């Protein structure tokens, strides 16, 4: 439903990336209300229906990432591969409040609170969307993915695969195949944005 709502955008109605950002935010808020209403009609009050999302908007040297939940955006710049988004999970909330002992070896993927979402599309009447402006350089490569991928491939492995990729279509197939072979226990989606294919 999220991707379907974004199909309502028309390029001829958008003047610049900031205009696009505002239209996308409006569409996401409307979609959230639709999902929330559907869930309220279909399920008992204690049941919820929702989805995480990550969205990347790019125009020349400027970009925005929008997200709710634990879907992630990574960026490869030169040899540096970094996670741009911060998961909306209880683990990250505890970490930001310095209530976790990070020395004990538990990580984002192994801590019991790492899969408990604090935000997602459709779980409440109003959605809180994180938005971060990005500076974009010519050879930047972006990976958008769900936890079904990064739970079975750590950040170093993801970065190496992108760095050494001959083309991103093959790299994407390798990512999905690896997730399936390693029997990911969650949904598996990924998109690579870059120009290595050109």
N, C-alpha and C. Protein backbone atom coordinates (compact mmCIF):
# COMPACT_ATOMS: atom_id res chain seq x y z
N UNK A 1 0.82 -1.20 0.00
CA UNK A 1 0.00 0.00 0.00
C UNK A 1 0.87 1.27 0.00
N UNK A 2 2.03 1.20 0.65
CA UNK A 2 2.91 2.37 0.69
C UNK A 2 3.41 2.70 -0.71
N UNK A 3 3.91 1.69 -1.41
CA UNK A 3 4.42 1.94 -2.77
C UNK A 3 3.30 2.36 -3.70
N UNK A 4 2.12 1.80 -3.52
CA UNK A 4 0.98 2.20 -4.36
C UNK A 4 0.64 3.67 -4.16
N UNK A 5 0.72 4.15 -2.94
CA UNK A 5 0.39 5.56 -2.68
C UNK A 5 1.41 6.48 -3.35
N UNK A 6 2.67 6.05 -3.41
CA UNK A 6 3.70 6.88 -4.04
C UNK A 6 3.55 6.94 -5.56
N UNK A 7 2.85 5.97 -6.13
CA UNK A 7 2.59 5.99 -7.57
C UNK A 7 1.68 7.15 -7.96
N UNK A 8 1.01 7.76 -6.98
CA UNK A 8 0.14 8.90 -7.26
C UNK A 8 0.92 10.19 -7.52
N UNK A 9 2.23 10.17 -7.29
CA UNK A 9 3.05 11.35 -7.55
C UNK A 9 3.24 11.52 -9.06
N UNK A 10 3.16 12.75 -9.53
CA UNK A 10 3.34 13.04 -10.95
C UNK A 10 4.48 14.05 -11.10
N UNK A 11 5.48 13.68 -11.88
CA UNK A 11 6.69 14.51 -12.03
C UNK A 11 6.38 15.92 -12.51
N UNK A 12 5.38 16.07 -13.34
CA UNK A 12 5.07 17.41 -13.87
C UNK A 12 4.48 18.33 -12.81
N UNK A 13 4.11 17.79 -11.67
CA UNK A 13 3.54 18.60 -10.59
C UNK A 13 4.58 18.94 -9.52
N UNK A 14 5.83 18.54 -9.73
CA UNK A 14 6.87 18.72 -8.72
C UNK A 14 7.94 19.65 -9.25
N UNK A 15 8.18 20.74 -8.53
CA UNK A 15 9.14 21.76 -8.96
C UNK A 15 10.57 21.45 -8.54
N UNK A 16 10.76 20.91 -7.32
CA UNK A 16 12.11 20.65 -6.81
C UNK A 16 12.03 19.57 -5.74
N UNK A 17 13.18 19.18 -5.22
CA UNK A 17 13.22 18.08 -4.25
C UNK A 17 12.48 18.42 -2.96
N UNK A 18 12.50 19.69 -2.55
CA UNK A 18 11.78 20.06 -1.33
C UNK A 18 10.28 19.97 -1.52
N UNK A 19 9.80 20.31 -2.72
CA UNK A 19 8.40 20.14 -3.07
C UNK A 19 8.04 18.65 -3.06
N UNK A 20 8.93 17.83 -3.64
CA UNK A 20 8.71 16.38 -3.63
C UNK A 20 8.65 15.86 -2.20
N UNK A 21 9.56 16.30 -1.34
CA UNK A 21 9.57 15.87 0.05
C UNK A 21 8.23 16.15 0.72
N UNK A 22 7.69 17.36 0.54
CA UNK A 22 6.41 17.71 1.16
C UNK A 22 5.27 16.85 0.64
N UNK A 23 5.27 16.57 -0.66
CA UNK A 23 4.22 15.72 -1.23
C UNK A 23 4.33 14.28 -0.71
N UNK A 24 5.56 13.78 -0.59
CA UNK A 24 5.76 12.43 -0.08
C UNK A 24 5.31 12.33 1.38
N UNK A 25 5.64 13.33 2.19
CA UNK A 25 5.21 13.33 3.59
C UNK A 25 3.69 13.29 3.67
N UNK A 26 3.02 14.12 2.88
CA UNK A 26 1.54 14.12 2.87
C UNK A 26 0.99 12.76 2.48
N UNK A 27 1.57 12.15 1.44
CA UNK A 27 1.11 10.82 1.00
C UNK A 27 1.34 9.77 2.09
N UNK A 28 2.48 9.82 2.76
CA UNK A 28 2.76 8.85 3.81
C UNK A 28 1.79 9.00 4.98
N UNK A 29 1.49 10.23 5.34
CA UNK A 29 0.53 10.46 6.44
C UNK A 29 -0.85 9.95 6.07
N UNK A 30 -1.27 10.20 4.84
CA UNK A 30 -2.58 9.71 4.38
C UNK A 30 -2.61 8.19 4.35
N UNK A 31 -1.54 7.60 3.84
CA UNK A 31 -1.45 6.13 3.78
C UNK A 31 -1.47 5.53 5.17
N UNK A 32 -0.79 6.16 6.11
CA UNK A 32 -0.80 5.69 7.49
C UNK A 32 -2.22 5.66 8.04
N UNK A 33 -2.98 6.72 7.80
CA UNK A 33 -4.36 6.77 8.29
C UNK A 33 -5.22 5.69 7.65
N UNK A 34 -4.99 5.42 6.37
CA UNK A 34 -5.75 4.36 5.68
C UNK A 34 -5.44 3.00 6.29
N UNK A 35 -4.16 2.70 6.49
CA UNK A 35 -3.77 1.41 7.06
C UNK A 35 -4.30 1.27 8.48
N UNK A 36 -4.20 2.35 9.25
CA UNK A 36 -4.70 2.32 10.63
C UNK A 36 -6.21 2.08 10.65
N UNK A 37 -6.95 2.74 9.78
CA UNK A 37 -8.41 2.56 9.71
C UNK A 37 -8.78 1.15 9.28
N UNK A 38 -8.06 0.62 8.28
CA UNK A 38 -8.31 -0.75 7.83
C UNK A 38 -8.08 -1.75 8.96
N UNK A 39 -6.99 -1.57 9.68
CA UNK A 39 -6.68 -2.47 10.78
C UNK A 39 -7.75 -2.38 11.87
N UNK A 40 -8.22 -1.18 12.14
CA UNK A 40 -9.26 -1.00 13.16
C UNK A 40 -10.55 -1.70 12.77
N UNK A 41 -10.87 -1.68 11.47
CA UNK A 41 -12.09 -2.32 10.98
C UNK A 41 -11.96 -3.84 10.92
N UNK A 42 -10.76 -4.33 10.60
CA UNK A 42 -10.56 -5.76 10.36
C UNK A 42 -10.25 -6.56 11.61
N UNK A 43 -9.60 -5.94 12.59
CA UNK A 43 -9.11 -6.69 13.74
C UNK A 43 -9.70 -6.17 15.04
N UNK A 44 -9.59 -7.02 16.06
CA UNK A 44 -9.98 -6.59 17.40
C UNK A 44 -9.02 -5.51 17.86
N UNK A 45 -9.39 -4.79 18.89
CA UNK A 45 -8.62 -3.62 19.32
C UNK A 45 -7.17 -3.93 19.71
N UNK A 46 -6.88 -5.16 20.13
CA UNK A 46 -5.52 -5.48 20.56
C UNK A 46 -4.61 -5.89 19.41
N UNK A 47 -5.17 -6.09 18.23
CA UNK A 47 -4.36 -6.49 17.09
C UNK A 47 -4.02 -5.26 16.24
N UNK A 48 -2.82 -5.26 15.68
CA UNK A 48 -2.40 -4.15 14.84
C UNK A 48 -1.87 -4.66 13.51
N UNK A 49 -1.85 -3.77 12.56
CA UNK A 49 -1.30 -4.08 11.25
C UNK A 49 -0.39 -2.91 10.89
N UNK A 50 0.81 -3.21 10.47
CA UNK A 50 1.72 -2.12 10.16
C UNK A 50 2.86 -2.57 9.27
N UNK A 51 3.68 -1.61 8.91
CA UNK A 51 4.83 -1.87 8.04
C UNK A 51 5.92 -0.86 8.33
N UNK A 52 7.15 -1.31 8.22
CA UNK A 52 8.27 -0.38 8.27
C UNK A 52 8.53 0.12 6.86
N UNK A 53 9.24 1.21 6.73
CA UNK A 53 9.62 1.69 5.40
C UNK A 53 10.86 2.56 5.49
N UNK A 54 11.57 2.63 4.39
CA UNK A 54 12.65 3.58 4.20
C UNK A 54 12.54 4.09 2.77
N UNK A 55 12.65 5.39 2.61
CA UNK A 55 12.49 6.03 1.31
C UNK A 55 13.66 6.96 1.06
N UNK A 56 14.17 6.95 -0.15
CA UNK A 56 15.29 7.81 -0.53
C UNK A 56 14.86 8.72 -1.67
N UNK A 57 15.01 10.02 -1.47
CA UNK A 57 14.71 11.02 -2.51
C UNK A 57 16.03 11.66 -2.91
N UNK A 58 16.33 11.68 -4.19
CA UNK A 58 17.59 12.24 -4.67
C UNK A 58 17.36 13.22 -5.80
N UNK A 59 18.14 14.30 -5.80
CA UNK A 59 18.15 15.26 -6.89
C UNK A 59 19.52 15.92 -6.91
N UNK A 60 20.33 15.55 -7.89
CA UNK A 60 21.68 16.10 -8.06
C UNK A 60 22.51 15.88 -6.81
N UNK A 61 22.89 16.94 -6.10
CA UNK A 61 23.77 16.79 -4.93
C UNK A 61 23.02 16.86 -3.61
N UNK A 62 21.70 16.73 -3.66
CA UNK A 62 20.89 16.83 -2.45
C UNK A 62 19.97 15.62 -2.36
N UNK A 63 19.71 15.19 -1.15
CA UNK A 63 18.81 14.07 -0.96
C UNK A 63 18.15 14.12 0.40
N UNK A 64 17.14 13.26 0.56
CA UNK A 64 16.46 13.07 1.85
C UNK A 64 16.21 11.59 2.03
N UNK A 65 16.31 11.14 3.27
CA UNK A 65 15.88 9.80 3.62
C UNK A 65 14.75 9.97 4.63
N UNK A 66 13.68 9.20 4.43
CA UNK A 66 12.53 9.20 5.33
C UNK A 66 12.33 7.76 5.78
N UNK A 67 12.05 7.55 7.06
CA UNK A 67 11.84 6.19 7.53
C UNK A 67 11.05 6.13 8.82
N UNK A 68 10.45 4.96 9.02
CA UNK A 68 9.80 4.60 10.28
C UNK A 68 9.98 3.10 10.44
N UNK A 69 10.49 2.70 11.59
CA UNK A 69 10.73 1.28 11.83
C UNK A 69 12.19 0.93 11.69
N UNK A 70 12.44 -0.33 11.32
CA UNK A 70 13.82 -0.81 11.26
C UNK A 70 14.30 -1.13 9.85
N UNK A 71 13.63 -0.64 8.83
CA UNK A 71 14.20 -0.71 7.49
C UNK A 71 15.31 0.34 7.43
N UNK A 72 16.39 0.04 6.71
CA UNK A 72 17.59 0.87 6.80
C UNK A 72 18.04 1.44 5.46
N UNK A 73 18.79 2.53 5.58
CA UNK A 73 19.54 3.09 4.45
C UNK A 73 21.01 3.07 4.83
N UNK A 74 21.83 2.51 3.93
CA UNK A 74 23.29 2.55 4.05
C UNK A 74 23.82 3.36 2.88
N UNK A 75 24.99 3.97 3.09
CA UNK A 75 25.66 4.69 2.00
C UNK A 75 27.11 4.24 1.89
N UNK A 76 27.51 3.96 0.65
CA UNK A 76 28.92 3.68 0.33
C UNK A 76 29.46 4.94 -0.32
N UNK A 77 30.47 5.52 0.31
CA UNK A 77 31.16 6.69 -0.25
C UNK A 77 32.65 6.36 -0.24
N UNK A 78 33.21 6.27 -1.42
CA UNK A 78 34.59 5.82 -1.58
C UNK A 78 34.71 4.42 -0.96
N UNK A 79 35.50 4.26 0.08
CA UNK A 79 35.63 2.94 0.72
C UNK A 79 34.86 2.88 2.05
N UNK A 80 34.15 3.93 2.39
CA UNK A 80 33.46 4.01 3.67
C UNK A 80 31.99 3.63 3.50
N UNK A 81 31.55 2.62 4.23
CA UNK A 81 30.17 2.13 4.17
C UNK A 81 29.53 2.40 5.53
N UNK A 82 28.48 3.21 5.54
CA UNK A 82 27.88 3.61 6.82
C UNK A 82 26.37 3.44 6.81
N UNK A 83 25.85 3.15 8.00
CA UNK A 83 24.41 3.11 8.19
C UNK A 83 23.96 4.55 8.44
N UNK A 84 23.01 5.02 7.65
CA UNK A 84 22.51 6.39 7.77
C UNK A 84 21.34 6.47 8.75
N UNK A 85 20.42 5.55 8.66
CA UNK A 85 19.23 5.58 9.51
C UNK A 85 19.51 4.94 10.86
N UNK A 86 18.69 5.27 11.83
CA UNK A 86 18.74 4.65 13.15
C UNK A 86 17.42 3.92 13.34
N UNK A 87 17.50 2.64 13.67
CA UNK A 87 16.29 1.82 13.82
C UNK A 87 15.37 2.39 14.89
N UNK A 88 14.09 2.31 14.62
CA UNK A 88 13.09 2.68 15.63
C UNK A 88 12.71 1.41 16.39
N UNK A 89 13.60 1.02 17.30
CA UNK A 89 13.38 -0.18 18.11
C UNK A 89 13.61 0.17 19.58
N UNK A 90 13.12 -0.71 20.45
CA UNK A 90 13.36 -0.49 21.88
C UNK A 90 14.86 -0.54 22.18
N UNK A 91 15.59 -1.38 21.46
CA UNK A 91 17.04 -1.45 21.66
C UNK A 91 17.68 -0.09 21.43
N UNK A 92 17.38 0.55 20.32
CA UNK A 92 17.97 1.86 20.01
C UNK A 92 17.51 2.92 21.00
N UNK A 93 16.25 2.83 21.46
CA UNK A 93 15.75 3.78 22.46
C UNK A 93 16.52 3.62 23.77
N UNK A 94 16.73 2.39 24.19
CA UNK A 94 17.51 2.14 25.41
C UNK A 94 18.96 2.60 25.24
N UNK A 95 19.52 2.33 24.07
CA UNK A 95 20.90 2.73 23.78
C UNK A 95 21.06 4.25 23.82
N UNK A 96 20.11 4.97 23.23
CA UNK A 96 20.20 6.43 23.20
C UNK A 96 20.06 7.04 24.60
N UNK A 97 19.40 6.32 25.49
CA UNK A 97 19.25 6.78 26.87
C UNK A 97 20.38 6.25 27.77
N UNK A 98 21.32 5.57 27.16
CA UNK A 98 22.47 4.98 27.86
C UNK A 98 22.04 4.00 28.96
N UNK A 99 20.99 3.23 28.66
CA UNK A 99 20.49 2.25 29.61
C UNK A 99 20.96 0.83 29.28
N UNK A 100 21.82 0.70 28.28
CA UNK A 100 22.35 -0.61 27.90
C UNK A 100 23.82 -0.71 28.24
N UNK A 101 24.22 -1.89 28.62
CA UNK A 101 25.62 -2.19 28.82
C UNK A 101 26.13 -2.80 27.52
N UNK A 102 26.73 -1.98 26.66
CA UNK A 102 27.16 -2.45 25.35
C UNK A 102 28.41 -3.33 25.42
N UNK A 103 29.00 -3.43 26.57
CA UNK A 103 30.19 -4.25 26.73
C UNK A 103 29.82 -5.74 26.79
N UNK A 104 28.57 -6.04 27.10
CA UNK A 104 28.18 -7.44 27.29
C UNK A 104 28.07 -8.24 26.00
N UNK A 105 28.32 -7.62 24.86
CA UNK A 105 28.38 -8.34 23.61
C UNK A 105 27.08 -8.42 22.84
N UNK A 106 25.98 -7.95 23.40
CA UNK A 106 24.73 -7.98 22.66
C UNK A 106 24.69 -6.81 21.69
N UNK A 107 24.16 -7.09 20.51
CA UNK A 107 24.16 -6.08 19.46
C UNK A 107 22.74 -5.79 19.00
N UNK A 108 22.66 -4.98 17.97
CA UNK A 108 21.37 -4.64 17.39
C UNK A 108 20.60 -5.87 16.97
N UNK A 109 21.28 -6.91 16.53
CA UNK A 109 20.57 -8.10 16.05
C UNK A 109 20.37 -9.17 17.12
N UNK A 110 21.14 -9.14 18.22
CA UNK A 110 21.03 -10.20 19.22
C UNK A 110 20.30 -9.80 20.50
N UNK A 111 20.17 -8.53 20.76
CA UNK A 111 19.51 -8.09 21.99
C UNK A 111 18.00 -8.37 21.90
N UNK A 112 17.37 -8.82 22.98
CA UNK A 112 15.93 -9.13 22.95
C UNK A 112 15.04 -7.94 22.52
N UNK A 113 15.48 -6.72 22.79
CA UNK A 113 14.67 -5.54 22.43
C UNK A 113 14.94 -5.05 21.01
N UNK A 114 15.82 -5.74 20.29
CA UNK A 114 16.20 -5.24 18.96
C UNK A 114 15.12 -5.41 17.90
N UNK A 115 14.16 -6.28 18.14
CA UNK A 115 13.10 -6.51 17.16
C UNK A 115 11.75 -5.96 17.60
N UNK A 116 11.75 -5.21 18.68
CA UNK A 116 10.51 -4.60 19.16
C UNK A 116 10.47 -3.17 18.64
N UNK A 117 9.57 -2.93 17.70
CA UNK A 117 9.50 -1.62 17.04
C UNK A 117 8.85 -0.57 17.92
N UNK A 118 9.36 0.64 17.82
CA UNK A 118 8.74 1.78 18.51
C UNK A 118 7.95 2.65 17.53
N UNK A 119 8.17 2.41 16.22
CA UNK A 119 7.43 3.15 15.19
C UNK A 119 7.24 2.26 13.97
N UNK A 120 6.10 2.44 13.31
CA UNK A 120 5.85 1.77 12.04
C UNK A 120 4.62 2.41 11.41
N UNK A 121 4.49 2.22 10.13
CA UNK A 121 3.35 2.74 9.38
C UNK A 121 2.09 1.95 9.76
N UNK A 122 1.04 2.66 10.14
CA UNK A 122 -0.26 2.05 10.37
C UNK A 122 -0.56 1.58 11.77
N UNK A 123 0.37 1.69 12.71
CA UNK A 123 0.13 1.17 14.05
C UNK A 123 -0.53 2.18 14.99
N UNK A 124 -0.52 3.44 14.60
CA UNK A 124 -1.23 4.46 15.36
C UNK A 124 -1.84 5.46 14.38
N UNK A 125 -2.77 6.25 14.86
CA UNK A 125 -3.49 7.17 13.97
C UNK A 125 -2.57 8.20 13.33
N UNK A 126 -1.58 8.66 14.07
CA UNK A 126 -0.60 9.60 13.54
C UNK A 126 0.76 8.90 13.46
N UNK A 127 1.50 9.18 12.41
CA UNK A 127 2.82 8.57 12.27
C UNK A 127 3.90 9.63 12.45
N UNK A 128 4.94 9.22 13.14
CA UNK A 128 6.10 10.08 13.29
C UNK A 128 7.17 9.56 12.34
N UNK A 129 7.54 10.38 11.36
CA UNK A 129 8.50 9.99 10.33
C UNK A 129 9.81 10.71 10.60
N UNK A 130 10.90 9.97 10.62
CA UNK A 130 12.21 10.62 10.70
C UNK A 130 12.62 11.04 9.30
N UNK A 131 13.18 12.24 9.20
CA UNK A 131 13.64 12.79 7.92
C UNK A 131 15.04 13.32 8.13
N UNK A 132 15.94 12.93 7.26
CA UNK A 132 17.32 13.41 7.35
C UNK A 132 17.76 13.89 5.98
N UNK A 133 18.30 15.12 5.93
CA UNK A 133 18.86 15.64 4.68
C UNK A 133 20.21 14.97 4.44
N UNK A 134 20.52 14.74 3.17
CA UNK A 134 21.77 14.10 2.79
C UNK A 134 22.51 14.96 1.77
N UNK A 135 23.82 15.05 1.93
CA UNK A 135 24.62 15.58 0.84
C UNK A 135 24.97 14.39 -0.05
N UNK A 136 24.89 14.57 -1.33
CA UNK A 136 25.08 13.47 -2.27
C UNK A 136 26.26 13.80 -3.17
N UNK A 137 27.18 12.86 -3.27
CA UNK A 137 28.33 13.02 -4.16
C UNK A 137 28.20 12.07 -5.34
N UNK A 138 28.94 12.36 -6.39
CA UNK A 138 28.76 11.68 -7.66
C UNK A 138 28.81 10.16 -7.59
N UNK A 139 29.75 9.58 -6.88
CA UNK A 139 29.89 8.12 -6.87
C UNK A 139 29.27 7.44 -5.66
N UNK A 140 28.42 8.14 -4.92
CA UNK A 140 27.74 7.53 -3.78
C UNK A 140 26.87 6.36 -4.25
N UNK A 141 26.82 5.34 -3.43
CA UNK A 141 25.95 4.18 -3.67
C UNK A 141 25.11 3.99 -2.42
N UNK A 142 23.82 3.76 -2.61
CA UNK A 142 22.92 3.60 -1.48
C UNK A 142 22.30 2.20 -1.50
N UNK A 143 22.17 1.62 -0.31
CA UNK A 143 21.48 0.35 -0.13
C UNK A 143 20.31 0.59 0.82
N UNK A 144 19.11 0.33 0.35
CA UNK A 144 17.91 0.36 1.18
C UNK A 144 17.52 -1.09 1.41
N UNK A 145 17.26 -1.47 2.67
CA UNK A 145 16.94 -2.88 2.92
C UNK A 145 16.15 -3.06 4.21
N UNK A 146 15.54 -4.23 4.29
CA UNK A 146 14.80 -4.61 5.49
C UNK A 146 15.69 -5.46 6.40
N UNK A 147 15.19 -5.73 7.59
CA UNK A 147 15.95 -6.51 8.55
C UNK A 147 16.15 -7.95 8.12
N UNK A 148 15.35 -8.42 7.18
CA UNK A 148 15.56 -9.76 6.65
C UNK A 148 16.91 -9.92 5.99
N UNK A 149 17.50 -8.81 5.55
CA UNK A 149 18.84 -8.85 4.96
C UNK A 149 19.92 -8.60 6.00
N UNK A 150 19.83 -7.48 6.73
CA UNK A 150 20.94 -7.15 7.63
C UNK A 150 20.99 -8.03 8.88
N UNK A 151 19.96 -8.82 9.14
CA UNK A 151 20.03 -9.78 10.24
C UNK A 151 20.87 -11.00 9.89
N UNK A 152 21.07 -11.25 8.58
CA UNK A 152 21.87 -12.41 8.17
C UNK A 152 23.19 -12.01 7.50
N UNK A 153 23.38 -10.71 7.24
CA UNK A 153 24.64 -10.20 6.67
C UNK A 153 25.03 -8.97 7.47
N UNK A 154 26.19 -8.99 8.09
CA UNK A 154 26.58 -7.83 8.89
C UNK A 154 27.02 -6.67 7.98
N UNK A 155 27.23 -5.52 8.59
CA UNK A 155 27.53 -4.31 7.83
C UNK A 155 28.81 -4.45 7.01
N UNK A 156 29.82 -5.10 7.55
CA UNK A 156 31.08 -5.29 6.82
C UNK A 156 30.84 -6.12 5.56
N UNK A 157 30.06 -7.17 5.68
CA UNK A 157 29.79 -8.04 4.53
C UNK A 157 28.98 -7.31 3.46
N UNK A 158 27.99 -6.53 3.90
CA UNK A 158 27.20 -5.74 2.95
C UNK A 158 28.08 -4.74 2.21
N UNK A 159 28.93 -4.05 2.96
CA UNK A 159 29.81 -3.06 2.35
C UNK A 159 30.79 -3.66 1.36
N UNK A 160 31.38 -4.80 1.71
CA UNK A 160 32.32 -5.46 0.80
C UNK A 160 31.62 -5.87 -0.50
N UNK A 161 30.41 -6.39 -0.36
CA UNK A 161 29.70 -6.83 -1.56
C UNK A 161 29.44 -5.66 -2.50
N UNK A 162 29.05 -4.51 -1.95
CA UNK A 162 28.81 -3.34 -2.79
C UNK A 162 30.11 -2.80 -3.37
N UNK A 163 31.15 -2.77 -2.56
CA UNK A 163 32.42 -2.19 -3.01
C UNK A 163 33.02 -2.98 -4.18
N UNK A 164 32.94 -4.28 -4.10
CA UNK A 164 33.56 -5.12 -5.13
C UNK A 164 32.61 -5.50 -6.27
N UNK A 165 31.40 -5.00 -6.24
CA UNK A 165 30.41 -5.36 -7.27
C UNK A 165 30.82 -4.82 -8.64
N UNK A 166 30.71 -5.68 -9.64
CA UNK A 166 30.92 -5.24 -11.03
C UNK A 166 29.72 -4.46 -11.53
N UNK A 167 28.55 -4.92 -11.13
CA UNK A 167 27.32 -4.20 -11.47
C UNK A 167 26.31 -4.45 -10.34
N UNK A 168 25.43 -3.50 -10.15
CA UNK A 168 24.53 -3.56 -8.99
C UNK A 168 23.35 -4.49 -9.18
N UNK A 169 23.00 -4.80 -10.40
CA UNK A 169 21.94 -5.79 -10.62
C UNK A 169 22.40 -7.15 -10.11
N UNK A 170 23.63 -7.53 -10.43
CA UNK A 170 24.17 -8.81 -9.94
C UNK A 170 24.37 -8.77 -8.43
N UNK A 171 24.81 -7.63 -7.91
CA UNK A 171 25.01 -7.50 -6.46
C UNK A 171 23.68 -7.68 -5.72
N UNK A 172 22.63 -7.11 -6.27
CA UNK A 172 21.31 -7.25 -5.64
C UNK A 172 20.86 -8.70 -5.63
N UNK A 173 21.06 -9.40 -6.74
CA UNK A 173 20.72 -10.83 -6.79
C UNK A 173 21.51 -11.61 -5.74
N UNK A 174 22.78 -11.27 -5.57
CA UNK A 174 23.61 -11.94 -4.58
C UNK A 174 23.10 -11.67 -3.17
N UNK A 175 22.72 -10.43 -2.89
CA UNK A 175 22.17 -10.10 -1.57
C UNK A 175 20.92 -10.92 -1.26
N UNK A 176 19.99 -10.94 -2.20
CA UNK A 176 18.73 -11.66 -1.98
C UNK A 176 19.01 -13.16 -1.85
N UNK A 177 19.85 -13.69 -2.72
CA UNK A 177 20.19 -15.12 -2.67
C UNK A 177 20.83 -15.48 -1.33
N UNK A 178 21.74 -14.64 -0.85
CA UNK A 178 22.41 -14.90 0.43
C UNK A 178 21.39 -14.91 1.56
N UNK A 179 20.46 -13.95 1.55
CA UNK A 179 19.43 -13.92 2.58
C UNK A 179 18.58 -15.18 2.59
N UNK A 180 18.23 -15.67 1.42
CA UNK A 180 17.42 -16.88 1.31
C UNK A 180 18.21 -18.11 1.76
N UNK A 181 19.45 -18.23 1.30
CA UNK A 181 20.29 -19.38 1.65
C UNK A 181 20.54 -19.42 3.16
N UNK A 182 20.71 -18.25 3.76
CA UNK A 182 20.95 -18.20 5.21
C UNK A 182 19.66 -18.27 6.01
N UNK A 183 18.57 -18.51 5.32
CA UNK A 183 17.25 -18.72 5.93
C UNK A 183 16.84 -17.58 6.84
N UNK A 184 16.83 -16.38 6.28
CA UNK A 184 16.39 -15.23 7.05
C UNK A 184 15.00 -15.50 7.62
N UNK A 185 14.76 -15.01 8.80
CA UNK A 185 13.48 -15.27 9.47
C UNK A 185 12.50 -14.12 9.30
N UNK A 186 12.88 -13.11 8.53
CA UNK A 186 12.02 -11.94 8.38
C UNK A 186 11.88 -11.61 6.89
N UNK A 187 11.03 -10.61 6.60
CA UNK A 187 10.87 -10.24 5.19
C UNK A 187 12.19 -9.73 4.64
N UNK A 188 12.39 -9.94 3.35
CA UNK A 188 13.67 -9.64 2.71
C UNK A 188 13.43 -8.78 1.48
N UNK A 189 13.82 -7.52 1.59
CA UNK A 189 13.71 -6.59 0.47
C UNK A 189 14.97 -5.75 0.44
N UNK A 190 15.42 -5.42 -0.78
CA UNK A 190 16.60 -4.58 -0.92
C UNK A 190 16.57 -3.86 -2.25
N UNK A 191 17.14 -2.65 -2.27
CA UNK A 191 17.29 -1.86 -3.47
C UNK A 191 18.67 -1.21 -3.42
N UNK A 192 19.38 -1.23 -4.52
CA UNK A 192 20.67 -0.56 -4.61
C UNK A 192 20.51 0.61 -5.58
N UNK A 193 20.95 1.79 -5.15
CA UNK A 193 20.90 2.98 -6.00
C UNK A 193 22.33 3.45 -6.23
N UNK A 194 22.77 3.37 -7.47
CA UNK A 194 24.12 3.77 -7.83
C UNK A 194 24.26 3.72 -9.34
N UNK A 195 25.41 4.15 -9.86
CA UNK A 195 25.55 4.20 -11.31
C UNK A 195 26.64 3.29 -11.86
N UNK A 196 26.97 2.22 -11.18
CA UNK A 196 28.00 1.31 -11.65
C UNK A 196 27.58 0.61 -12.95
N UNK A 197 26.27 0.48 -13.18
CA UNK A 197 25.77 -0.17 -14.38
C UNK A 197 25.97 0.70 -15.62
N UNK A 198 26.19 2.00 -15.43
CA UNK A 198 26.26 2.92 -16.56
C UNK A 198 27.55 2.76 -17.33
